[in-house]
């Protein structure tokens, strides 16, 4: 049996923390290792517990969720951060993703979908709330179209992998689709992020839509 996914919950509302913890603790393969009421506590607990996944609120007194995300990633780069908030405006979404969050969910997410997102984050897979994904894609579609394509350095296979990432495929699904091993998929993903100078799969998917990789197919 594989090790359970360790989770930290960061939210200044105790009711939110306790509610999320109660549900997650009932999952057989998830363990909540810490709760943090403030960003400062979150950074300290991240250093101490090195959780697999953090559920991060954005609006908190003192250090906000964006700065907390950045600092948690500094002290524990392996930790994946899921933004869990009520805010879906651009001024919240893009700074959070740029700070290192892998996923962005709204608090109207269903409990089972949150659990799925935690599992995906633990595997390095991104999840965006549909409303947030629409904002991200719109943002890049109206960007500077005069730039040269950043994908010219990618191999044909890497472009295939990138197009599947943009469609929301997991590494396992990509491996099945292209009939290659998961290890090979991970190697391609790593090369893609390195060549495009991107931090994670979420940014890769956004850029793929922006540059028309999926539409060209």
N, C-alpha and C. Protein backbone atom coordinates (compact mmCIF):
# COMPACT_ATOMS: atom_id res chain seq x y z
N UNK A 1 0.85 -1.21 0.00
CA UNK A 1 0.00 0.00 0.00
C UNK A 1 0.87 1.25 0.00
N UNK A 2 0.56 2.20 -0.86
CA UNK A 2 1.36 3.42 -0.94
C UNK A 2 1.11 4.31 0.27
N UNK A 3 2.06 5.21 0.50
CA UNK A 3 1.93 6.13 1.62
C UNK A 3 0.77 7.09 1.39
N UNK A 4 0.06 7.47 2.47
CA UNK A 4 -1.04 8.43 2.31
C UNK A 4 -0.53 9.80 1.90
N UNK A 5 -1.40 10.57 1.27
CA UNK A 5 -1.07 11.94 0.88
C UNK A 5 -1.20 12.83 2.10
N UNK A 6 -0.15 13.57 2.41
CA UNK A 6 -0.19 14.48 3.56
C UNK A 6 -0.65 15.86 3.11
N UNK A 7 -1.56 16.45 3.89
CA UNK A 7 -2.20 17.71 3.50
C UNK A 7 -2.13 18.71 4.65
N UNK A 8 -1.90 19.97 4.31
CA UNK A 8 -2.04 21.06 5.27
C UNK A 8 -3.15 21.99 4.78
N UNK A 9 -3.98 22.44 5.71
CA UNK A 9 -5.09 23.35 5.39
C UNK A 9 -4.76 24.74 5.92
N UNK A 10 -4.81 25.74 5.05
CA UNK A 10 -4.49 27.11 5.44
C UNK A 10 -5.71 27.99 5.19
N UNK A 11 -6.32 28.45 6.27
CA UNK A 11 -7.51 29.30 6.16
C UNK A 11 -7.71 29.99 7.50
N UNK A 12 -8.07 31.27 7.47
CA UNK A 12 -8.23 31.99 8.73
C UNK A 12 -9.58 31.73 9.39
N UNK A 13 -10.46 30.98 8.71
CA UNK A 13 -11.75 30.65 9.30
C UNK A 13 -11.72 29.23 9.87
N UNK A 14 -11.90 29.13 11.16
CA UNK A 14 -11.82 27.83 11.82
C UNK A 14 -12.86 26.86 11.29
N UNK A 15 -14.07 27.35 11.01
CA UNK A 15 -15.13 26.48 10.53
C UNK A 15 -14.75 25.84 9.20
N UNK A 16 -14.11 26.61 8.33
CA UNK A 16 -13.67 26.09 7.03
C UNK A 16 -12.60 25.01 7.25
N UNK A 17 -11.64 25.31 8.12
CA UNK A 17 -10.56 24.35 8.37
C UNK A 17 -11.11 23.05 8.94
N UNK A 18 -11.98 23.16 9.94
CA UNK A 18 -12.50 21.96 10.59
C UNK A 18 -13.39 21.16 9.64
N UNK A 19 -14.17 21.87 8.82
CA UNK A 19 -15.04 21.17 7.88
C UNK A 19 -14.23 20.40 6.85
N UNK A 20 -13.21 21.06 6.29
CA UNK A 20 -12.36 20.39 5.31
C UNK A 20 -11.61 19.23 5.95
N UNK A 21 -11.11 19.46 7.15
CA UNK A 21 -10.35 18.40 7.82
C UNK A 21 -11.23 17.19 8.12
N UNK A 22 -12.45 17.43 8.57
CA UNK A 22 -13.34 16.32 8.89
C UNK A 22 -13.57 15.42 7.69
N UNK A 23 -13.76 16.04 6.52
CA UNK A 23 -14.00 15.24 5.32
C UNK A 23 -12.73 14.54 4.86
N UNK A 24 -11.62 15.26 4.86
CA UNK A 24 -10.37 14.68 4.36
C UNK A 24 -9.86 13.57 5.27
N UNK A 25 -10.03 13.74 6.57
CA UNK A 25 -9.58 12.70 7.51
C UNK A 25 -10.36 11.40 7.32
N UNK A 26 -11.54 11.50 6.72
CA UNK A 26 -12.34 10.30 6.50
C UNK A 26 -11.88 9.53 5.25
N UNK A 27 -10.97 10.13 4.47
CA UNK A 27 -10.46 9.46 3.28
C UNK A 27 -9.35 8.49 3.68
N UNK A 28 -9.34 7.29 3.14
CA UNK A 28 -8.37 6.29 3.57
C UNK A 28 -6.93 6.59 3.17
N UNK A 29 -6.74 7.45 2.18
CA UNK A 29 -5.38 7.68 1.68
C UNK A 29 -4.94 9.13 1.80
N UNK A 30 -5.60 9.88 2.69
CA UNK A 30 -5.23 11.28 2.94
C UNK A 30 -5.09 11.50 4.45
N UNK A 31 -4.04 12.19 4.84
CA UNK A 31 -3.82 12.52 6.25
C UNK A 31 -3.58 14.02 6.36
N UNK A 32 -4.37 14.72 7.15
CA UNK A 32 -4.16 16.14 7.41
C UNK A 32 -3.11 16.27 8.52
N UNK A 33 -1.97 16.83 8.18
CA UNK A 33 -0.86 16.90 9.14
C UNK A 33 -0.80 18.23 9.86
N UNK A 34 -1.50 19.26 9.35
CA UNK A 34 -1.44 20.57 10.01
C UNK A 34 -2.57 21.45 9.53
N UNK A 35 -2.97 22.38 10.42
CA UNK A 35 -3.88 23.46 10.07
C UNK A 35 -3.19 24.77 10.40
N UNK A 36 -3.33 25.75 9.53
CA UNK A 36 -2.71 27.05 9.78
C UNK A 36 -3.76 28.15 9.63
N UNK A 37 -3.78 29.04 10.60
CA UNK A 37 -4.73 30.16 10.58
C UNK A 37 -4.14 31.38 9.88
N UNK A 38 -2.81 31.46 9.84
CA UNK A 38 -2.14 32.60 9.24
C UNK A 38 -1.07 32.12 8.25
N UNK A 39 -0.65 33.05 7.39
CA UNK A 39 0.41 32.72 6.45
C UNK A 39 1.71 32.39 7.15
N UNK A 40 2.00 33.12 8.22
CA UNK A 40 3.23 32.87 8.96
C UNK A 40 3.25 31.45 9.53
N UNK A 41 2.12 31.02 10.09
CA UNK A 41 2.03 29.65 10.61
C UNK A 41 2.18 28.63 9.48
N UNK A 42 1.59 28.95 8.32
CA UNK A 42 1.65 28.02 7.19
C UNK A 42 3.10 27.77 6.76
N UNK A 43 3.89 28.83 6.71
CA UNK A 43 5.29 28.69 6.31
C UNK A 43 6.05 27.86 7.34
N UNK A 44 5.78 28.12 8.61
CA UNK A 44 6.46 27.38 9.68
C UNK A 44 6.08 25.90 9.65
N UNK A 45 4.78 25.62 9.47
CA UNK A 45 4.33 24.23 9.44
C UNK A 45 4.81 23.51 8.18
N UNK A 46 4.90 24.26 7.07
CA UNK A 46 5.40 23.65 5.84
C UNK A 46 6.85 23.20 6.01
N UNK A 47 7.63 24.02 6.68
CA UNK A 47 9.02 23.67 6.93
C UNK A 47 9.11 22.45 7.85
N UNK A 48 8.19 22.39 8.80
CA UNK A 48 8.22 21.30 9.79
C UNK A 48 7.68 19.99 9.23
N UNK A 49 6.56 20.04 8.51
CA UNK A 49 5.87 18.82 8.08
C UNK A 49 6.14 18.43 6.62
N UNK A 50 6.56 19.38 5.79
CA UNK A 50 6.79 19.14 4.36
C UNK A 50 5.60 18.36 3.76
N UNK A 51 4.40 18.95 3.78
CA UNK A 51 3.22 18.24 3.27
C UNK A 51 3.28 18.04 1.76
N UNK A 52 2.59 17.01 1.30
CA UNK A 52 2.50 16.78 -0.14
C UNK A 52 1.68 17.87 -0.82
N UNK A 53 0.58 18.25 -0.16
CA UNK A 53 -0.37 19.21 -0.75
C UNK A 53 -0.81 20.21 0.31
N UNK A 54 -0.99 21.45 -0.10
CA UNK A 54 -1.53 22.49 0.76
C UNK A 54 -2.80 23.05 0.14
N UNK A 55 -3.86 23.15 0.94
CA UNK A 55 -5.07 23.87 0.53
C UNK A 55 -4.93 25.30 1.05
N UNK A 56 -4.85 26.25 0.14
CA UNK A 56 -4.48 27.62 0.51
C UNK A 56 -5.60 28.62 0.25
N UNK A 57 -6.03 29.29 1.30
CA UNK A 57 -6.94 30.41 1.14
C UNK A 57 -6.15 31.61 0.63
N UNK A 58 -6.79 32.54 -0.03
CA UNK A 58 -6.08 33.69 -0.57
C UNK A 58 -6.14 34.93 0.32
N UNK A 59 -7.32 35.19 0.87
CA UNK A 59 -7.51 36.42 1.63
C UNK A 59 -7.45 36.10 3.12
N UNK A 60 -6.35 36.50 3.74
CA UNK A 60 -6.15 36.27 5.17
C UNK A 60 -5.53 37.52 5.77
N UNK A 61 -5.75 37.77 7.05
CA UNK A 61 -5.11 38.91 7.70
C UNK A 61 -3.60 38.71 7.74
N UNK A 62 -2.85 39.80 7.63
CA UNK A 62 -1.40 39.67 7.62
C UNK A 62 -0.93 39.24 6.24
N UNK A 63 -0.12 38.18 6.22
CA UNK A 63 0.40 37.68 4.95
C UNK A 63 -0.72 37.03 4.14
N UNK A 64 -0.91 37.49 2.90
CA UNK A 64 -2.00 36.93 2.10
C UNK A 64 -1.59 35.60 1.48
N UNK A 65 -2.55 34.97 0.78
CA UNK A 65 -2.30 33.65 0.25
C UNK A 65 -1.27 33.60 -0.85
N UNK A 66 -1.15 34.67 -1.63
CA UNK A 66 -0.15 34.70 -2.70
C UNK A 66 1.25 34.69 -2.12
N UNK A 67 1.51 35.58 -1.18
CA UNK A 67 2.84 35.62 -0.56
C UNK A 67 3.11 34.35 0.23
N UNK A 68 2.08 33.82 0.88
CA UNK A 68 2.25 32.57 1.62
C UNK A 68 2.60 31.43 0.66
N UNK A 69 1.93 31.39 -0.48
CA UNK A 69 2.24 30.37 -1.49
C UNK A 69 3.71 30.46 -1.90
N UNK A 70 4.16 31.66 -2.17
CA UNK A 70 5.55 31.86 -2.60
C UNK A 70 6.52 31.37 -1.52
N UNK A 71 6.24 31.70 -0.28
CA UNK A 71 7.17 31.35 0.80
C UNK A 71 7.12 29.86 1.13
N UNK A 72 5.93 29.27 1.04
CA UNK A 72 5.83 27.83 1.27
C UNK A 72 6.63 27.08 0.20
N UNK A 73 6.54 27.52 -1.05
CA UNK A 73 7.30 26.88 -2.11
C UNK A 73 8.80 27.08 -1.90
N UNK A 74 9.18 28.19 -1.29
CA UNK A 74 10.60 28.43 -1.00
C UNK A 74 11.13 27.43 0.03
N UNK A 75 10.34 27.21 1.09
CA UNK A 75 10.83 26.32 2.16
C UNK A 75 10.57 24.85 1.87
N UNK A 76 9.59 24.56 0.98
CA UNK A 76 9.27 23.18 0.64
C UNK A 76 8.89 23.09 -0.83
N UNK A 77 9.88 23.11 -1.73
CA UNK A 77 9.57 23.13 -3.17
C UNK A 77 8.74 21.93 -3.64
N UNK A 78 8.85 20.79 -2.97
CA UNK A 78 8.11 19.60 -3.39
C UNK A 78 6.62 19.70 -3.09
N UNK A 79 6.24 20.59 -2.18
CA UNK A 79 4.84 20.74 -1.79
C UNK A 79 4.04 21.38 -2.92
N UNK A 80 2.91 20.75 -3.25
CA UNK A 80 2.02 21.29 -4.27
C UNK A 80 0.90 22.08 -3.61
N UNK A 81 0.58 23.23 -4.16
CA UNK A 81 -0.39 24.12 -3.52
C UNK A 81 -1.64 24.27 -4.38
N UNK A 82 -2.77 24.01 -3.73
CA UNK A 82 -4.08 24.20 -4.35
C UNK A 82 -4.71 25.45 -3.74
N UNK A 83 -4.96 26.44 -4.55
CA UNK A 83 -5.70 27.61 -4.06
C UNK A 83 -7.16 27.22 -3.90
N UNK A 84 -7.72 27.49 -2.73
CA UNK A 84 -9.13 27.20 -2.46
C UNK A 84 -9.74 28.48 -1.91
N UNK A 85 -10.48 29.18 -2.75
CA UNK A 85 -10.91 30.53 -2.41
C UNK A 85 -12.28 30.82 -2.99
N UNK A 86 -12.84 31.96 -2.62
CA UNK A 86 -14.11 32.42 -3.20
C UNK A 86 -13.88 33.42 -4.32
N UNK A 87 -12.63 33.79 -4.57
CA UNK A 87 -12.32 34.87 -5.51
C UNK A 87 -11.85 34.32 -6.84
N UNK A 88 -12.42 34.83 -7.95
CA UNK A 88 -12.03 34.35 -9.26
C UNK A 88 -11.70 35.50 -10.21
N UNK A 89 -11.33 36.65 -9.65
CA UNK A 89 -10.94 37.78 -10.49
C UNK A 89 -9.48 37.62 -10.92
N UNK A 90 -9.14 38.29 -12.03
CA UNK A 90 -7.79 38.19 -12.57
C UNK A 90 -6.73 38.58 -11.54
N UNK A 91 -7.02 39.61 -10.75
CA UNK A 91 -6.01 40.09 -9.81
C UNK A 91 -5.70 39.08 -8.70
N UNK A 92 -6.53 38.06 -8.58
CA UNK A 92 -6.26 36.98 -7.63
C UNK A 92 -5.66 35.76 -8.34
N UNK A 93 -6.22 35.43 -9.51
CA UNK A 93 -5.83 34.20 -10.19
C UNK A 93 -4.37 34.21 -10.62
N UNK A 94 -3.97 35.23 -11.38
CA UNK A 94 -2.65 35.20 -12.00
C UNK A 94 -1.50 35.34 -11.01
N UNK A 95 -1.60 36.21 -10.01
CA UNK A 95 -0.51 36.24 -9.02
C UNK A 95 -0.36 34.92 -8.28
N UNK A 96 -1.48 34.24 -8.01
CA UNK A 96 -1.41 32.97 -7.28
C UNK A 96 -0.71 31.90 -8.11
N UNK A 97 -1.05 31.82 -9.40
CA UNK A 97 -0.41 30.85 -10.27
C UNK A 97 1.06 31.18 -10.48
N UNK A 98 1.35 32.46 -10.61
CA UNK A 98 2.75 32.87 -10.79
C UNK A 98 3.56 32.62 -9.53
N UNK A 99 2.92 32.64 -8.37
CA UNK A 99 3.62 32.39 -7.11
C UNK A 99 3.97 30.92 -6.93
N UNK A 100 3.34 30.05 -7.73
CA UNK A 100 3.70 28.64 -7.66
C UNK A 100 2.57 27.67 -7.39
N UNK A 101 1.33 28.17 -7.30
CA UNK A 101 0.20 27.26 -7.09
C UNK A 101 0.00 26.38 -8.32
N UNK A 102 -0.29 25.11 -8.11
CA UNK A 102 -0.50 24.20 -9.23
C UNK A 102 -1.96 24.16 -9.66
N UNK A 103 -2.87 24.45 -8.73
CA UNK A 103 -4.31 24.37 -9.01
C UNK A 103 -5.03 25.55 -8.39
N UNK A 104 -6.20 25.85 -8.94
CA UNK A 104 -7.00 26.97 -8.44
C UNK A 104 -8.46 26.54 -8.45
N UNK A 105 -9.02 26.39 -7.25
CA UNK A 105 -10.40 25.96 -7.10
C UNK A 105 -11.20 27.00 -6.32
N UNK A 106 -12.49 27.04 -6.59
CA UNK A 106 -13.38 27.92 -5.82
C UNK A 106 -14.06 27.11 -4.72
N UNK A 107 -14.51 27.80 -3.70
CA UNK A 107 -15.04 27.11 -2.53
C UNK A 107 -16.41 26.48 -2.75
N UNK A 108 -16.95 26.64 -3.96
CA UNK A 108 -18.19 25.92 -4.27
C UNK A 108 -17.89 24.54 -4.84
N UNK A 109 -16.61 24.15 -4.86
CA UNK A 109 -16.23 22.85 -5.38
C UNK A 109 -16.85 21.74 -4.53
N UNK A 110 -17.28 20.67 -5.18
CA UNK A 110 -17.84 19.54 -4.45
C UNK A 110 -16.72 18.80 -3.73
N UNK A 111 -17.07 18.19 -2.61
CA UNK A 111 -16.06 17.54 -1.77
C UNK A 111 -15.28 16.48 -2.54
N UNK A 112 -15.99 15.67 -3.32
CA UNK A 112 -15.31 14.60 -4.05
C UNK A 112 -14.37 15.17 -5.13
N UNK A 113 -14.73 16.35 -5.67
CA UNK A 113 -13.86 16.97 -6.67
C UNK A 113 -12.60 17.53 -6.00
N UNK A 114 -12.75 18.01 -4.77
CA UNK A 114 -11.59 18.49 -4.03
C UNK A 114 -10.63 17.34 -3.75
N UNK A 115 -11.17 16.21 -3.36
CA UNK A 115 -10.33 15.03 -3.10
C UNK A 115 -9.61 14.62 -4.38
N UNK A 116 -10.30 14.64 -5.50
CA UNK A 116 -9.68 14.31 -6.78
C UNK A 116 -8.56 15.28 -7.11
N UNK A 117 -8.78 16.56 -6.85
CA UNK A 117 -7.76 17.57 -7.13
C UNK A 117 -6.54 17.37 -6.24
N UNK A 118 -6.76 16.93 -5.01
CA UNK A 118 -5.64 16.66 -4.10
C UNK A 118 -4.80 15.50 -4.64
N UNK A 119 -5.48 14.45 -5.08
CA UNK A 119 -4.75 13.32 -5.66
C UNK A 119 -3.97 13.75 -6.91
N UNK A 120 -4.59 14.57 -7.74
CA UNK A 120 -3.91 15.02 -8.95
C UNK A 120 -2.73 15.91 -8.62
N UNK A 121 -2.90 16.80 -7.65
CA UNK A 121 -1.80 17.68 -7.26
C UNK A 121 -0.62 16.87 -6.73
N UNK A 122 -0.92 15.84 -5.95
CA UNK A 122 0.15 15.00 -5.40
C UNK A 122 0.94 14.31 -6.51
N UNK A 123 0.31 14.13 -7.67
CA UNK A 123 0.98 13.53 -8.82
C UNK A 123 1.54 14.59 -9.79
N UNK A 124 1.45 15.85 -9.38
CA UNK A 124 1.95 16.92 -10.23
C UNK A 124 0.99 17.35 -11.31
N UNK A 125 -0.29 17.00 -11.15
CA UNK A 125 -1.31 17.34 -12.15
C UNK A 125 -2.11 18.56 -11.69
N UNK A 126 -2.37 19.46 -12.61
CA UNK A 126 -3.08 20.69 -12.29
C UNK A 126 -4.59 20.54 -12.43
N UNK A 127 -5.32 21.31 -11.63
CA UNK A 127 -6.78 21.39 -11.73
C UNK A 127 -7.20 22.85 -11.65
N UNK A 128 -7.97 23.30 -12.62
CA UNK A 128 -8.50 24.66 -12.60
C UNK A 128 -10.02 24.61 -12.61
N UNK A 129 -10.64 25.38 -11.73
CA UNK A 129 -12.09 25.53 -11.78
C UNK A 129 -12.45 26.05 -13.17
N UNK A 130 -13.54 25.54 -13.79
CA UNK A 130 -13.89 25.97 -15.15
C UNK A 130 -13.96 27.48 -15.32
N UNK A 131 -14.48 28.17 -14.33
CA UNK A 131 -14.58 29.63 -14.43
C UNK A 131 -13.19 30.27 -14.45
N UNK A 132 -12.29 29.68 -13.67
CA UNK A 132 -10.91 30.19 -13.63
C UNK A 132 -10.19 29.86 -14.93
N UNK A 133 -10.38 28.64 -15.43
CA UNK A 133 -9.74 28.25 -16.68
C UNK A 133 -10.16 29.18 -17.81
N UNK A 134 -11.42 29.56 -17.84
CA UNK A 134 -11.91 30.47 -18.87
C UNK A 134 -11.22 31.82 -18.78
N UNK A 135 -11.00 32.29 -17.55
CA UNK A 135 -10.32 33.58 -17.37
C UNK A 135 -8.88 33.49 -17.83
N UNK A 136 -8.23 32.38 -17.52
CA UNK A 136 -6.82 32.21 -17.90
C UNK A 136 -6.68 32.18 -19.41
N UNK A 137 -7.52 31.38 -20.07
CA UNK A 137 -7.43 31.27 -21.53
C UNK A 137 -7.74 32.61 -22.20
N UNK A 138 -8.77 33.31 -21.71
CA UNK A 138 -9.11 34.61 -22.28
C UNK A 138 -7.96 35.60 -22.12
N UNK A 139 -7.32 35.56 -20.96
CA UNK A 139 -6.21 36.48 -20.69
C UNK A 139 -5.11 36.32 -21.73
N UNK A 140 -4.76 35.09 -22.04
CA UNK A 140 -3.66 34.87 -22.96
C UNK A 140 -4.07 35.04 -24.42
N UNK A 141 -5.34 34.80 -24.72
CA UNK A 141 -5.80 34.97 -26.10
C UNK A 141 -5.76 36.43 -26.52
N UNK A 142 -5.93 37.35 -25.57
CA UNK A 142 -5.92 38.77 -25.92
C UNK A 142 -4.54 39.37 -25.70
N UNK A 143 -3.55 38.52 -25.43
CA UNK A 143 -2.19 38.99 -25.23
C UNK A 143 -1.54 39.43 -26.53
N UNK A 144 -0.28 39.67 -26.46
CA UNK A 144 0.47 40.17 -27.61
C UNK A 144 0.63 39.06 -28.63
N UNK A 145 -0.11 39.13 -29.73
CA UNK A 145 -0.07 38.10 -30.75
C UNK A 145 1.12 38.25 -31.69
N UNK A 146 1.89 39.31 -31.50
CA UNK A 146 3.02 39.54 -32.39
C UNK A 146 4.25 38.75 -32.00
N UNK A 147 4.23 38.13 -30.82
CA UNK A 147 5.41 37.38 -30.37
C UNK A 147 5.60 36.14 -31.22
N UNK A 148 6.85 35.77 -31.41
CA UNK A 148 7.13 34.52 -32.11
C UNK A 148 6.76 33.35 -31.21
N UNK A 149 6.43 32.22 -31.81
CA UNK A 149 6.00 31.06 -31.04
C UNK A 149 7.14 30.53 -30.20
N UNK A 150 6.90 30.26 -28.91
CA UNK A 150 7.94 29.71 -28.04
C UNK A 150 8.11 28.21 -28.23
N UNK A 151 7.32 27.61 -29.13
CA UNK A 151 7.33 26.16 -29.26
C UNK A 151 8.27 25.65 -30.34
N UNK A 152 9.03 26.55 -30.96
CA UNK A 152 9.87 26.13 -32.09
C UNK A 152 10.97 25.17 -31.65
N UNK A 153 11.36 25.20 -30.37
CA UNK A 153 12.43 24.34 -29.89
C UNK A 153 11.93 22.95 -29.51
N UNK A 154 10.63 22.74 -29.48
CA UNK A 154 10.09 21.46 -29.06
C UNK A 154 10.14 20.44 -30.20
N UNK A 155 10.38 19.18 -29.85
CA UNK A 155 10.32 18.10 -30.83
C UNK A 155 8.86 17.80 -31.16
N UNK A 156 8.64 17.03 -32.21
CA UNK A 156 7.28 16.65 -32.58
C UNK A 156 6.60 15.89 -31.44
N UNK A 157 7.36 14.99 -30.78
CA UNK A 157 6.79 14.22 -29.67
C UNK A 157 6.43 15.13 -28.50
N UNK A 158 7.29 16.11 -28.22
CA UNK A 158 7.01 17.04 -27.13
C UNK A 158 5.78 17.89 -27.44
N UNK A 159 5.60 18.24 -28.70
CA UNK A 159 4.39 18.97 -29.09
C UNK A 159 3.15 18.11 -28.89
N UNK A 160 3.25 16.81 -29.17
CA UNK A 160 2.13 15.90 -28.94
C UNK A 160 1.79 15.86 -27.46
N UNK A 161 2.81 15.72 -26.63
CA UNK A 161 2.60 15.67 -25.18
C UNK A 161 1.98 16.98 -24.70
N UNK A 162 2.50 18.09 -25.20
CA UNK A 162 1.98 19.40 -24.79
C UNK A 162 0.51 19.57 -25.16
N UNK A 163 0.13 19.11 -26.34
CA UNK A 163 -1.26 19.24 -26.76
C UNK A 163 -2.18 18.43 -25.84
N UNK A 164 -1.70 17.29 -25.38
CA UNK A 164 -2.51 16.46 -24.48
C UNK A 164 -2.57 17.08 -23.09
N UNK A 165 -1.48 17.70 -22.65
CA UNK A 165 -1.51 18.44 -21.38
C UNK A 165 -2.57 19.54 -21.45
N UNK A 166 -2.60 20.24 -22.58
CA UNK A 166 -3.56 21.33 -22.75
C UNK A 166 -5.00 20.83 -22.71
N UNK A 167 -5.21 19.57 -23.10
CA UNK A 167 -6.55 18.99 -23.05
C UNK A 167 -6.88 18.42 -21.68
N UNK A 168 -5.95 18.52 -20.73
CA UNK A 168 -6.21 18.07 -19.38
C UNK A 168 -5.84 16.62 -19.11
N UNK A 169 -5.08 16.00 -20.02
CA UNK A 169 -4.68 14.60 -19.81
C UNK A 169 -3.67 14.50 -18.67
N UNK A 170 -3.80 13.46 -17.85
CA UNK A 170 -2.80 13.14 -16.84
C UNK A 170 -1.63 12.43 -17.51
N UNK A 171 -0.54 12.27 -16.77
CA UNK A 171 0.61 11.53 -17.31
C UNK A 171 0.21 10.12 -17.72
N UNK A 172 -0.62 9.49 -16.91
CA UNK A 172 -1.04 8.12 -17.21
C UNK A 172 -1.84 8.06 -18.51
N UNK A 173 -2.75 9.02 -18.70
CA UNK A 173 -3.55 9.05 -19.93
C UNK A 173 -2.69 9.37 -21.14
N UNK A 174 -1.71 10.25 -20.96
CA UNK A 174 -0.80 10.56 -22.06
C UNK A 174 -0.02 9.32 -22.46
N UNK A 175 0.46 8.58 -21.46
CA UNK A 175 1.22 7.36 -21.73
C UNK A 175 0.37 6.37 -22.53
N UNK A 176 -0.89 6.23 -22.15
CA UNK A 176 -1.78 5.32 -22.86
C UNK A 176 -2.08 5.79 -24.27
N UNK A 177 -2.28 7.09 -24.42
CA UNK A 177 -2.61 7.65 -25.74
C UNK A 177 -1.45 7.51 -26.72
N UNK A 178 -0.23 7.73 -26.22
CA UNK A 178 0.94 7.71 -27.11
C UNK A 178 1.69 6.38 -27.07
N UNK A 179 1.20 5.45 -26.24
CA UNK A 179 1.80 4.12 -26.10
C UNK A 179 3.28 4.25 -25.72
N UNK A 180 3.53 5.00 -24.66
CA UNK A 180 4.87 5.13 -24.09
C UNK A 180 4.76 4.99 -22.59
N UNK A 181 5.89 4.85 -21.91
CA UNK A 181 5.87 4.66 -20.46
C UNK A 181 5.61 5.98 -19.74
N UNK A 182 5.13 5.89 -18.50
CA UNK A 182 4.89 7.09 -17.70
C UNK A 182 6.21 7.82 -17.46
N UNK A 183 7.29 7.05 -17.27
CA UNK A 183 8.60 7.66 -17.08
C UNK A 183 9.01 8.50 -18.28
N UNK A 184 8.72 7.99 -19.47
CA UNK A 184 9.03 8.75 -20.69
C UNK A 184 8.18 10.01 -20.76
N UNK A 185 6.92 9.89 -20.38
CA UNK A 185 6.04 11.07 -20.36
C UNK A 185 6.60 12.13 -19.42
N UNK A 186 7.00 11.71 -18.22
CA UNK A 186 7.54 12.65 -17.25
C UNK A 186 8.79 13.34 -17.79
N UNK A 187 9.61 12.58 -18.53
CA UNK A 187 10.80 13.17 -19.13
C UNK A 187 10.44 14.22 -20.16
N UNK A 188 9.43 13.92 -20.99
CA UNK A 188 8.98 14.90 -21.99
C UNK A 188 8.42 16.15 -21.31
N UNK A 189 7.61 15.96 -20.25
CA UNK A 189 7.03 17.10 -19.54
C UNK A 189 8.13 17.98 -18.96
N UNK A 190 9.14 17.35 -18.36
CA UNK A 190 10.26 18.11 -17.79
C UNK A 190 10.98 18.91 -18.87
N UNK A 191 11.20 18.30 -20.03
CA UNK A 191 11.87 19.00 -21.13
C UNK A 191 11.04 20.17 -21.64
N UNK A 192 9.71 19.94 -21.72
CA UNK A 192 8.81 21.01 -22.19
C UNK A 192 8.89 22.22 -21.27
N UNK A 193 8.77 21.97 -19.96
CA UNK A 193 8.80 23.07 -19.00
C UNK A 193 10.14 23.80 -19.05
N UNK A 194 11.22 23.03 -19.21
CA UNK A 194 12.56 23.64 -19.27
C UNK A 194 12.72 24.49 -20.52
N UNK A 195 12.31 23.96 -21.67
CA UNK A 195 12.48 24.69 -22.92
C UNK A 195 11.61 25.94 -22.99
N UNK A 196 10.42 25.87 -22.38
CA UNK A 196 9.50 27.01 -22.43
C UNK A 196 9.68 27.96 -21.25
N UNK A 197 10.59 27.58 -20.33
CA UNK A 197 10.85 28.40 -19.14
C UNK A 197 9.58 28.61 -18.32
N UNK A 198 8.86 27.50 -18.10
CA UNK A 198 7.62 27.55 -17.35
C UNK A 198 7.78 26.78 -16.05
N UNK A 199 6.92 27.13 -15.08
CA UNK A 199 7.06 26.54 -13.75
C UNK A 199 6.33 25.21 -13.61
N UNK A 200 5.20 25.06 -14.30
CA UNK A 200 4.40 23.86 -14.07
C UNK A 200 3.48 23.58 -15.26
N UNK A 201 2.71 22.51 -15.14
CA UNK A 201 1.81 22.07 -16.22
C UNK A 201 0.70 23.07 -16.49
N UNK A 202 0.23 23.75 -15.45
CA UNK A 202 -0.83 24.73 -15.65
C UNK A 202 -0.37 25.82 -16.62
N UNK A 203 0.83 26.35 -16.39
CA UNK A 203 1.35 27.38 -17.28
C UNK A 203 1.58 26.82 -18.68
N UNK A 204 2.03 25.56 -18.77
CA UNK A 204 2.23 24.94 -20.08
C UNK A 204 0.92 24.84 -20.85
N UNK A 205 -0.14 24.43 -20.16
CA UNK A 205 -1.44 24.31 -20.81
C UNK A 205 -1.94 25.66 -21.30
N UNK A 206 -1.76 26.68 -20.47
CA UNK A 206 -2.20 28.02 -20.86
C UNK A 206 -1.46 28.49 -22.11
N UNK A 207 -0.15 28.30 -22.12
CA UNK A 207 0.64 28.72 -23.27
C UNK A 207 0.28 27.92 -24.52
N UNK A 208 -0.04 26.65 -24.34
CA UNK A 208 -0.43 25.83 -25.49
C UNK A 208 -1.70 26.38 -26.13
N UNK A 209 -2.67 26.76 -25.31
CA UNK A 209 -3.89 27.36 -25.86
C UNK A 209 -3.58 28.71 -26.51
N UNK A 210 -2.73 29.47 -25.86
CA UNK A 210 -2.40 30.80 -26.36
C UNK A 210 -1.77 30.72 -27.75
N UNK A 211 -0.88 29.78 -27.94
CA UNK A 211 -0.13 29.68 -29.19
C UNK A 211 -0.83 28.82 -30.23
N UNK A 212 -1.98 28.23 -29.88
CA UNK A 212 -2.77 27.52 -30.86
C UNK A 212 -2.33 26.11 -31.14
N UNK A 213 -1.56 25.50 -30.22
CA UNK A 213 -1.09 24.14 -30.45
C UNK A 213 -2.26 23.18 -30.61
N UNK A 214 -3.25 23.29 -29.77
CA UNK A 214 -4.39 22.38 -29.83
C UNK A 214 -5.24 22.68 -31.07
N UNK A 215 -5.50 23.94 -31.32
CA UNK A 215 -6.34 24.30 -32.46
C UNK A 215 -5.71 23.89 -33.79
N UNK A 216 -4.37 23.92 -33.87
CA UNK A 216 -3.71 23.53 -35.12
C UNK A 216 -3.97 22.08 -35.47
N UNK A 217 -4.24 21.25 -34.46
CA UNK A 217 -4.50 19.86 -34.73
C UNK A 217 -5.91 19.66 -35.28
